[in-house]
C-alpha atoms as a PDB file:
ATOM      1  CA  UNK A   1      -3.339 -80.567  22.730  1.00  0.00           C
ATOM      2  CA  UNK A   2      -6.584 -82.267  23.764  1.00  0.00           C
ATOM      3  CA  UNK A   3      -5.585 -85.339  21.757  1.00  0.00           C
ATOM      4  CA  UNK A   4      -2.304 -85.645  23.611  1.00  0.00           C
ATOM      5  CA  UNK A   5      -4.144 -85.554  26.902  1.00  0.00           C
ATOM      6  CA  UNK A   6      -6.482 -88.280  25.730  1.00  0.00           C
ATOM      7  CA  UNK A   7      -3.599 -90.493  24.738  1.00  0.00           C
ATOM      8  CA  UNK A   8      -1.936 -90.026  28.117  1.00  0.00           C
ATOM      9  CA  UNK A   9      -5.027 -91.484  29.886  1.00  0.00           C
ATOM     10  CA  UNK A  10      -4.342 -94.843  28.191  1.00  0.00           C
ATOM     11  CA  UNK A  11      -2.363 -97.138  30.513  1.00  0.00           C
ATOM     12  CA  UNK A  12      -0.645 -98.460  27.406  1.00  0.00           C
ATOM     13  CA  UNK A  13       0.819 -95.090  26.443  1.00  0.00           C
ATOM     14  CA  UNK A  14       4.560 -94.883  26.588  1.00  0.00           C
ATOM     15  CA  UNK A  15       6.647 -91.706  26.247  1.00  0.00           C
ATOM     16  CA  UNK A  16       9.473 -91.682  23.658  1.00  0.00           C
ATOM     17  CA  UNK A  17      12.033 -91.438  26.477  1.00  0.00           C
ATOM     18  CA  UNK A  18      10.629 -94.638  28.011  1.00  0.00           C
ATOM     19  CA  UNK A  19      11.443 -96.668  24.908  1.00  0.00           C
ATOM     20  CA  UNK A  20      14.835 -97.948  26.183  1.00  0.00           C
ATOM     21  CA  UNK A  21      13.141 -99.237  29.334  1.00  0.00           C
ATOM     22  CA  UNK A  22      10.307-100.818  27.305  1.00  0.00           C
ATOM     23  CA  UNK A  23      12.903-102.517  25.064  1.00  0.00           C
ATOM     24  CA  UNK A  24      14.853-103.877  28.074  1.00  0.00           C
ATOM     25  CA  UNK A  25      11.738-105.261  29.692  1.00  0.00           C
ATOM     26  CA  UNK A  26      10.557-106.736  26.375  1.00  0.00           C
ATOM     27  CA  UNK A  27      13.844-108.562  26.073  1.00  0.00           C
ATOM     28  CA  UNK A  28      13.465-109.984  29.614  1.00  0.00           C
ATOM     29  CA  UNK A  29       9.904-111.105  28.832  1.00  0.00           C
ATOM     30  CA  UNK A  30      10.974-112.842  25.653  1.00  0.00           C
ATOM     31  CA  UNK A  31      13.936-114.481  27.383  1.00  0.00           C
ATOM     32  CA  UNK A  32      11.765-115.767  30.235  1.00  0.00           C
ATOM     33  CA  UNK A  33       9.236-117.154  27.759  1.00  0.00           C
ATOM     34  CA  UNK A  34      11.721-118.823  25.345  1.00  0.00           C
ATOM     35  CA  UNK A  35      14.143-120.109  28.014  1.00  0.00           C
ATOM     36  CA  UNK A  36      11.345-120.849  30.530  1.00  0.00           C
ATOM     37  CA  UNK A  37      13.439-119.367  33.336  1.00  0.00           C
ATOM     38  CA  UNK A  38      12.956-116.461  35.803  1.00  0.00           C
ATOM     39  CA  UNK A  39      14.415-113.054  34.944  1.00  0.00           C
ATOM     40  CA  UNK A  40      15.237-110.409  37.571  1.00  0.00           C
ATOM     41  CA  UNK A  41      14.769-106.684  36.958  1.00  0.00           C
ATOM     42  CA  UNK A  42      16.507-103.691  38.473  1.00  0.00           C
ATOM     43  CA  UNK A  43      14.635-101.641  41.104  1.00  0.00           C
ATOM     44  CA  UNK A  44      11.562-100.230  39.380  1.00  0.00           C
ATOM     45  CA  UNK A  45       9.710 -97.069  40.251  1.00  0.00           C
ATOM     46  CA  UNK A  46       5.897 -96.958  40.145  1.00  0.00           C
ATOM     47  CA  UNK A  47       5.723 -95.867  36.546  1.00  0.00           C
ATOM     48  CA  UNK A  48       8.062 -98.628  35.460  1.00  0.00           C
ATOM     49  CA  UNK A  49       5.970-101.195  37.359  1.00  0.00           C
ATOM     50  CA  UNK A  50       2.908 -99.989  35.496  1.00  0.00           C
ATOM     51  CA  UNK A  51       4.716-100.398  32.184  1.00  0.00           C
ATOM     52  CA  UNK A  52       5.872-103.915  33.079  1.00  0.00           C
ATOM     53  CA  UNK A  53       2.366-104.892  34.186  1.00  0.00           C
ATOM     54  CA  UNK A  54       1.017-103.587  30.909  1.00  0.00           C
ATOM     55  CA  UNK A  55       3.587-105.512  28.812  1.00  0.00           C
ATOM     56  CA  UNK A  56       3.321-108.811  30.670  1.00  0.00           C
ATOM     57  CA  UNK A  57      -0.456-108.915  30.015  1.00  0.00           C
ATOM     58  CA  UNK A  58       0.441-110.002  26.495  1.00  0.00           C
ATOM     59  CA  UNK A  59       2.024-113.185  27.828  1.00  0.00           C
ATOM     60  CA  UNK A  60      -0.492-115.706  29.148  1.00  0.00           C
ATOM     61  CA  UNK A  61       2.221-118.005  30.600  1.00  0.00           C
ATOM     62  CA  UNK A  62       4.262-115.371  32.454  1.00  0.00           C
ATOM     63  CA  UNK A  63       3.821-113.689  35.832  1.00  0.00           C
ATOM     64  CA  UNK A  64       5.697-110.929  37.645  1.00  0.00           C
ATOM     65  CA  UNK A  65       6.456-110.979  41.346  1.00  0.00           C
ATOM     66  CA  UNK A  66       7.649-107.879  43.186  1.00  0.00           C
ATOM     67  CA  UNK A  67       9.700-107.264  46.352  1.00  0.00           C
ATOM     68  CA  UNK A  68      11.480-104.182  47.638  1.00  0.00           C
ATOM     69  CA  UNK A  69      12.507-105.264  51.099  1.00  0.00           C
ATOM     70  CA  UNK A  70       9.230-104.784  52.888  1.00  0.00           C
ATOM     71  CA  UNK A  71       5.473-104.796  52.366  1.00  0.00           C
ATOM     72  CA  UNK A  72       4.339-101.677  50.562  1.00  0.00           C
ATOM     73  CA  UNK A  73       7.760-100.719  49.210  1.00  0.00           C
ATOM     74  CA  UNK A  74       7.551 -98.125  46.438  1.00  0.00           C
ATOM     75  CA  UNK A  75      10.662 -99.145  44.540  1.00  0.00           C
ATOM     76  CA  UNK A  76      10.824-102.899  43.947  1.00  0.00           C
ATOM     77  CA  UNK A  77      12.669-105.542  41.962  1.00  0.00           C
ATOM     78  CA  UNK A  78      10.536-107.750  39.787  1.00  0.00           C
ATOM     79  CA  UNK A  79      10.935-111.406  38.900  1.00  0.00           C
ATOM     80  CA  UNK A  80       9.409-112.263  35.571  1.00  0.00           C
ATOM     81  CA  UNK A  81       8.780-115.990  35.575  1.00  0.00           C
ATOM     82  CA  UNK A  82       6.684-118.889  34.229  1.00  0.00           C
ATOM     83  CA  UNK A  83       3.753-119.956  36.365  1.00  0.00           C
ATOM     84  CA  UNK A  84       5.670-122.820  37.994  1.00  0.00           C
ATOM     85  CA  UNK A  85       8.060-120.448  39.802  1.00  0.00           C
ATOM     86  CA  UNK A  86       7.412-119.381  43.406  1.00  0.00           C
ATOM     87  CA  UNK A  87      10.104-116.872  44.479  1.00  0.00           C
ATOM     88  CA  UNK A  88      11.766-116.659  47.852  1.00  0.00           C
ATOM     89  CA  UNK A  89      13.028-113.395  49.343  1.00  0.00           C
ATOM     90  CA  UNK A  90      16.611-114.366  48.579  1.00  0.00           C
ATOM     91  CA  UNK A  91      15.779-114.673  44.862  1.00  0.00           C
ATOM     92  CA  UNK A  92      15.340-110.877  44.661  1.00  0.00           C
ATOM     93  CA  UNK A  93      18.952-110.332  45.693  1.00  0.00           C
ATOM     94  CA  UNK A  94      18.216-107.328  47.917  1.00  0.00           C
ATOM     95  CA  UNK A  95      20.267-106.180  50.906  1.00  0.00           C
ATOM     96  CA  UNK A  96      19.145-103.781  53.628  1.00  0.00           C
ATOM     97  CA  UNK A  97      21.429-101.319  55.348  1.00  0.00           C
ATOM     98  CA  UNK A  98      20.966 -99.111  58.401  1.00  0.00           C
ATOM     99  CA  UNK A  99      22.845 -95.788  58.585  1.00  0.00           C
ATOM    100  CA  UNK A 100      24.639 -95.120  61.844  1.00  0.00           C
ATOM    101  CA  UNK A 101      25.340 -91.394  62.241  1.00  0.00           C
ATOM    102  CA  UNK A 102      25.888 -88.879  65.079  1.00  0.00           C
ATOM    103  CA  UNK A 103      22.248 -88.376  65.914  1.00  0.00           C
ATOM    104  CA  UNK A 104      22.934 -85.638  68.527  1.00  0.00           C
ATOM    105  CA  UNK A 105      24.615 -83.413  65.931  1.00  0.00           C
ATOM    106  CA  UNK A 106      23.181 -84.512  62.589  1.00  0.00           C
ATOM    107  CA  UNK A 107      19.714 -84.221  61.076  1.00  0.00           C
ATOM    108  CA  UNK A 108      19.667 -86.397  57.973  1.00  0.00           C
ATOM    109  CA  UNK A 109      17.068 -86.111  55.273  1.00  0.00           C
ATOM    110  CA  UNK A 110      16.101 -88.171  52.211  1.00  0.00           C
ATOM    111  CA  UNK A 111      17.760 -85.909  49.650  1.00  0.00           C
ATOM    112  CA  UNK A 112      21.139 -86.054  51.447  1.00  0.00           C
ATOM    113  CA  UNK A 113      21.128 -89.850  51.492  1.00  0.00           C
ATOM    114  CA  UNK A 114      19.991 -90.077  47.917  1.00  0.00           C
ATOM    115  CA  UNK A 115      22.702 -87.672  46.867  1.00  0.00           C
ATOM    116  CA  UNK A 116      25.407 -89.580  48.758  1.00  0.00           C
ATOM    117  CA  UNK A 117      24.421 -92.913  47.196  1.00  0.00           C
ATOM    118  CA  UNK A 118      24.254 -91.616  43.617  1.00  0.00           C
ATOM    119  CA  UNK A 119      27.397 -89.497  44.206  1.00  0.00           C
ATOM    120  CA  UNK A 120      29.327 -92.619  45.190  1.00  0.00           C
ATOM    121  CA  UNK A 121      28.624 -94.103  41.776  1.00  0.00           C
ATOM    122  CA  UNK A 122      25.584 -96.227  42.509  1.00  0.00           C
ATOM    123  CA  UNK A 123      23.034 -96.123  39.677  1.00  0.00           C
ATOM    124  CA  UNK A 124      19.538 -95.078  40.813  1.00  0.00           C
ATOM    125  CA  UNK A 125      18.038 -98.294  39.564  1.00  0.00           C
ATOM    126  CA  UNK A 126      20.473-100.308  41.754  1.00  0.00           C
ATOM    127  CA  UNK A 127      18.946 -99.210  45.032  1.00  0.00           C
ATOM    128  CA  UNK A 128      15.397 -99.035  46.364  1.00  0.00           C
ATOM    129  CA  UNK A 129      13.512 -97.144  49.023  1.00  0.00           C
ATOM    130  CA  UNK A 130      15.122 -94.941  51.631  1.00  0.00           C
ATOM    131  CA  UNK A 131      13.027 -95.095  54.757  1.00  0.00           C
ATOM    132  CA  UNK A 132      12.988 -93.543  58.253  1.00  0.00           C
ATOM    133  CA  UNK A 133      10.999 -93.737  61.465  1.00  0.00           C
ATOM    134  CA  UNK A 134      11.971 -90.192  62.283  1.00  0.00           C
ATOM    135  CA  UNK A 135      15.337 -91.078  63.793  1.00  0.00           C
ATOM    136  CA  UNK A 136      16.773 -94.176  62.202  1.00  0.00           C
ATOM    137  CA  UNK A 137      17.380 -94.523  58.460  1.00  0.00           C
ATOM    138  CA  UNK A 138      17.540 -97.621  56.255  1.00  0.00           C
ATOM    139  CA  UNK A 139      17.830 -98.298  52.553  1.00  0.00           C
ATOM    140  CA  UNK A 140      17.782-101.209  50.110  1.00  0.00           C
ATOM    141  CA  UNK A 141      20.334-102.085  47.437  1.00  0.00           C
ATOM    142  CA  UNK A 142      21.498-104.901  45.111  1.00  0.00           C
ATOM    143  CA  UNK A 143      23.181-107.514  47.283  1.00  0.00           C
ATOM    144  CA  UNK A 144      26.098-107.813  44.870  1.00  0.00           C
ATOM    145  CA  UNK A 145      26.978-104.204  45.671  1.00  0.00           C
ATOM    146  CA  UNK A 146      27.508-104.836  49.402  1.00  0.00           C
ATOM    147  CA  UNK A 147      31.294-104.454  49.415  1.00  0.00           C
ATOM    148  CA  UNK A 148      31.201-101.386  47.187  1.00  0.00           C
ATOM    149  CA  UNK A 149      28.570 -99.677  49.295  1.00  0.00           C
ATOM    150  CA  UNK A 150      30.381-100.304  52.539  1.00  0.00           C
ATOM    151  CA  UNK A 151      33.684 -99.028  51.163  1.00  0.00           C
ATOM    152  CA  UNK A 152      32.397 -96.012  49.202  1.00  0.00           C
ATOM    153  CA  UNK A 153      29.600 -94.570  51.332  1.00  0.00           C
ATOM    154  CA  UNK A 154      31.308 -93.186  54.414  1.00  0.00           C
ATOM    155  CA  UNK A 155      29.843 -89.708  54.604  1.00  0.00           C
ATOM    156  CA  UNK A 156      26.401 -88.171  54.151  1.00  0.00           C
ATOM    157  CA  UNK A 157      26.642 -84.436  53.741  1.00  0.00           C
ATOM    158  CA  UNK A 158      29.336 -83.281  56.196  1.00  0.00           C
ATOM    159  CA  UNK A 159      28.782 -86.178  58.592  1.00  0.00           C
ATOM    160  CA  UNK A 160      30.763 -89.375  58.859  1.00  0.00           C
ATOM    161  CA  UNK A 161      28.506 -92.418  58.873  1.00  0.00           C
ATOM    162  CA  UNK A 162      28.801 -96.168  59.180  1.00  0.00           C
ATOM    163  CA  UNK A 163      26.622 -98.644  57.288  1.00  0.00           C
ATOM    164  CA  UNK A 164      25.382-101.742  59.071  1.00  0.00           C
ATOM    165  CA  UNK A 165      23.863-104.572  57.040  1.00  0.00           C
ATOM    166  CA  UNK A 166      20.615-105.763  58.628  1.00  0.00           C
ATOM    167  CA  UNK A 167      18.205-108.650  58.240  1.00  0.00           C
ATOM    168  CA  UNK A 168      14.708-107.805  56.979  1.00  0.00           C
ATOM    169  CA  UNK A 169      13.491-108.821  60.458  1.00  0.00           C
ATOM    170  CA  UNK A 170      15.164-105.637  61.753  1.00  0.00           C
ATOM    171  CA  UNK A 171      13.096-103.406  59.496  1.00  0.00           C
ATOM    172  CA  UNK A 172      12.045-100.195  61.128  1.00  0.00           C
ATOM    173  CA  UNK A 173       8.463 -98.986  60.919  1.00  0.00           C
ATOM    174  CA  UNK A 174       8.575 -96.390  58.166  1.00  0.00           C
ATOM    175  CA  UNK A 175       7.028 -93.026  58.920  1.00  0.00           C
ATOM    176  CA  UNK A 176       4.540 -91.986  56.308  1.00  0.00           C
ATOM    177  CA  UNK A 177       4.023 -88.252  56.022  1.00  0.00           C
ATOM    178  CA  UNK A 178       2.127 -88.416  52.771  1.00  0.00           C
ATOM    179  CA  UNK A 179      -1.582 -87.667  52.182  1.00  0.00           C
ATOM    180  CA  UNK A 180      -3.919 -89.283  49.636  1.00  0.00           C
ATOM    181  CA  UNK A 181      -6.314 -86.813  48.058  1.00  0.00           C
ATOM    182  CA  UNK A 182      -8.411 -86.100  44.990  1.00  0.00           C
ATOM    183  CA  UNK A 183      -7.527 -82.991  42.983  1.00  0.00           C
ATOM    184  CA  UNK A 184      -9.213 -81.479  39.971  1.00  0.00           C
ATOM    185  CA  UNK A 185      -7.044 -79.973  37.228  1.00  0.00           C
ATOM    186  CA  UNK A 186      -7.828 -78.118  33.992  1.00  0.00           C
ATOM    187  CA  UNK A 187      -5.238 -80.112  32.109  1.00  0.00           C
ATOM    188  CA  UNK A 188      -2.671 -82.893  32.693  1.00  0.00           C
ATOM    189  CA  UNK A 189       0.285 -80.533  32.204  1.00  0.00           C
ATOM    190  CA  UNK A 190       3.076 -80.830  34.730  1.00  0.00           C
ATOM    191  CA  UNK A 191       2.818 -77.166  35.795  1.00  0.00           C
ATOM    192  CA  UNK A 192      -0.939 -77.395  36.219  1.00  0.00           C
ATOM    193  CA  UNK A 193      -0.702 -80.436  38.454  1.00  0.00           C
ATOM    194  CA  UNK A 194       2.050 -78.874  40.596  1.00  0.00           C
ATOM    195  CA  UNK A 195       0.117 -75.614  40.935  1.00  0.00           C
ATOM    196  CA  UNK A 196      -3.035 -77.420  42.037  1.00  0.00           C
ATOM    197  CA  UNK A 197      -1.392 -79.845  44.441  1.00  0.00           C
ATOM    198  CA  UNK A 198       0.681 -77.141  46.206  1.00  0.00           C
ATOM    199  CA  UNK A 199      -1.778 -74.277  45.820  1.00  0.00           C
ATOM    200  CA  UNK A 200       0.558 -72.186  43.673  1.00  0.00           C
ATOM    201  CA  UNK A 201      -0.048 -69.919  40.761  1.00  0.00           C
ATOM    202  CA  UNK A 202       0.474 -71.428  37.280  1.00  0.00           C
ATOM    203  CA  UNK A 203       3.287 -68.970  36.688  1.00  0.00           C
ATOM    204  CA  UNK A 204       5.175 -70.021  39.815  1.00  0.00           C
ATOM    205  CA  UNK A 205       4.754 -73.706  39.000  1.00  0.00           C
ATOM    206  CA  UNK A 206       5.926 -73.099  35.424  1.00  0.00           C
ATOM    207  CA  UNK A 207       8.954 -71.226  36.737  1.00  0.00           C
ATOM    208  CA  UNK A 208       9.894 -74.120  39.041  1.00  0.00           C
ATOM    209  CA  UNK A 209       9.873 -76.483  36.057  1.00  0.00           C
ATOM    210  CA  UNK A 210      11.821 -74.151  33.733  1.00  0.00           C
ATOM    211  CA  UNK A 211      14.484 -73.489  36.398  1.00  0.00           C
ATOM    212  CA  UNK A 212      15.235 -77.186  36.758  1.00  0.00           C
ATOM    213  CA  UNK A 213      13.593 -77.711  40.154  1.00  0.00           C
ATOM    214  CA  UNK A 214      11.202 -80.501  39.009  1.00  0.00           C
ATOM    215  CA  UNK A 215      11.818 -84.152  38.238  1.00  0.00           C
ATOM    216  CA  UNK A 216       9.396 -86.416  36.389  1.00  0.00           C
ATOM    217  CA  UNK A 217      10.005 -90.043  37.448  1.00  0.00           C
ATOM    218  CA  UNK A 218      13.368 -89.017  38.914  1.00  0.00           C
ATOM    219  CA  UNK A 219      14.538 -87.462  35.651  1.00  0.00           C
ATOM    220  CA  UNK A 220      14.880 -83.697  35.358  1.00  0.00           C
ATOM    221  CA  UNK A 221      12.434 -81.891  33.070  1.00  0.00           C
ATOM    222  CA  UNK A 222      12.300 -78.248  32.063  1.00  0.00           C
ATOM    223  CA  UNK A 223       9.227 -78.648  29.868  1.00  0.00           C
ATOM    224  CA  UNK A 224       6.196 -77.322  31.815  1.00  0.00           C
ATOM    225  CA  UNK A 225       3.852 -78.551  29.069  1.00  0.00           C
ATOM    226  CA  UNK A 226       4.854 -82.238  29.558  1.00  0.00           C
ATOM    227  CA  UNK A 227       1.816 -84.374  30.362  1.00  0.00           C
ATOM    228  CA  UNK A 228       1.536 -86.636  33.398  1.00  0.00           C
ATOM    229  CA  UNK A 229      -0.022 -90.093  33.302  1.00  0.00           C
ATOM    230  CA  UNK A 230      -0.818 -92.891  35.748  1.00  0.00           C
ATOM    231  CA  UNK A 231       2.125 -94.053  37.838  1.00  0.00           C
ATOM    232  CA  UNK A 232       4.110 -90.827  37.372  1.00  0.00           C
ATOM    233  CA  UNK A 233       5.917 -89.136  40.255  1.00  0.00           C
ATOM    234  CA  UNK A 234       6.704 -85.437  40.298  1.00  0.00           C
ATOM    235  CA  UNK A 235       9.461 -84.347  42.673  1.00  0.00           C
ATOM    236  CA  UNK A 236       9.429 -80.579  43.311  1.00  0.00           C
ATOM    237  CA  UNK A 237      12.454 -79.122  45.055  1.00  0.00           C
ATOM    238  CA  UNK A 238      11.441 -77.165  48.162  1.00  0.00           C
ATOM    239  CA  UNK A 239       7.856 -78.508  48.116  1.00  0.00           C
ATOM    240  CA  UNK A 240       7.810 -82.302  48.089  1.00  0.00           C
ATOM    241  CA  UNK A 241       6.531 -85.058  45.895  1.00  0.00           C
ATOM    242  CA  UNK A 242       3.313 -85.833  44.004  1.00  0.00           C
ATOM    243  CA  UNK A 243       2.524 -89.382  42.934  1.00  0.00           C
ATOM    244  CA  UNK A 244      -0.230 -89.942  40.355  1.00  0.00           C
ATOM    245  CA  UNK A 245      -2.084 -93.042  41.569  1.00  0.00           C
ATOM    246  CA  UNK A 246      -5.039 -92.811  39.228  1.00  0.00           C
ATOM    247  CA  UNK A 247      -6.734 -90.645  36.622  1.00  0.00           C
ATOM    248  CA  UNK A 248     -10.407 -91.115  37.374  1.00  0.00           C
ATOM    249  CA  UNK A 249     -11.980 -89.313  34.436  1.00  0.00           C
ATOM    250  CA  UNK A 250     -13.542 -85.860  34.248  1.00  0.00           C
ATOM    251  CA  UNK A 251     -15.835 -83.844  36.475  1.00  0.00           C
ATOM    252  CA  UNK A 252     -19.061 -82.135  35.359  1.00  0.00           C
ATOM    253  CA  UNK A 253     -17.140 -78.924  34.743  1.00  0.00           C
ATOM    254  CA  UNK A 254     -14.721 -80.824  32.430  1.00  0.00           C
ATOM    255  CA  UNK A 255     -11.742 -81.003  34.832  1.00  0.00           C
ATOM    256  CA  UNK A 256      -9.627 -84.094  35.207  1.00  0.00           C
ATOM    257  CA  UNK A 257     -10.022 -85.844  38.532  1.00  0.00           C
ATOM    258  CA  UNK A 258      -6.696 -87.174  39.830  1.00  0.00           C
ATOM    259  CA  UNK A 259      -6.158 -89.446  42.805  1.00  0.00           C
ATOM    260  CA  UNK A 260      -2.756 -88.414  44.112  1.00  0.00           C
ATOM    261  CA  UNK A 261      -0.392 -89.038  46.983  1.00  0.00           C
ATOM    262  CA  UNK A 262       1.282 -85.817  48.152  1.00  0.00           C
ATOM    263  CA  UNK A 263       4.262 -85.381  50.407  1.00  0.00           C
ATOM    264  CA  UNK A 264       4.966 -81.897  51.748  1.00  0.00           C
ATOM    265  CA  UNK A 265       8.651 -81.228  52.368  1.00  0.00           C
END
């Protein structure tokens, strides 16, 4: 078990379930190098960006540029390109939509919007961040999906909504309710990290995982003994989200020191 934890500290470590993504990105890297042309990715989460950054380091003549609709976006599209290429915003093929809804009667939240988008048939890697300033809501999506989105997404929860395409100049100022902090954990197991971040018992955290209430990088996991690594995001239903920004080594009492970003629901 200790060996597995050591391996997960290496930024070059990939999980078996990440192999299809690694293969897709490797194909794009090879295509960009051999054809000497830019290649555009889907929207990538933080863990996928870390993997791409790791893979592209093997190519001296390639660079990756990211854009997710605004500075500091969490989910972004990448352009893998030779050094001559300087991308424009339009090259990322991202559209931004604002959600018009009955604000006096409705109280939207992130999970509702996410569920409506995926429920309409939009793949998760085809849309980016969902942001709010506390009242207004906006999200980012592939621009080639504009017609589909406008036709298919007409309700969020029980509320009828209307989508308005906006320029990036109309970006709202996203509200950030997250907190950066250092936590110390006995191991890098999923249940241990959740228990420490949300001040729960190990048994409660383990139960959350085993009852399907936890996602690792937006994919459900029921294995409490899974190990986290840099760039991972844990979503815990009813509690919030934990993003692993860095694993900074071990403390004097042999605990792992994690630099995390925590959102309380």
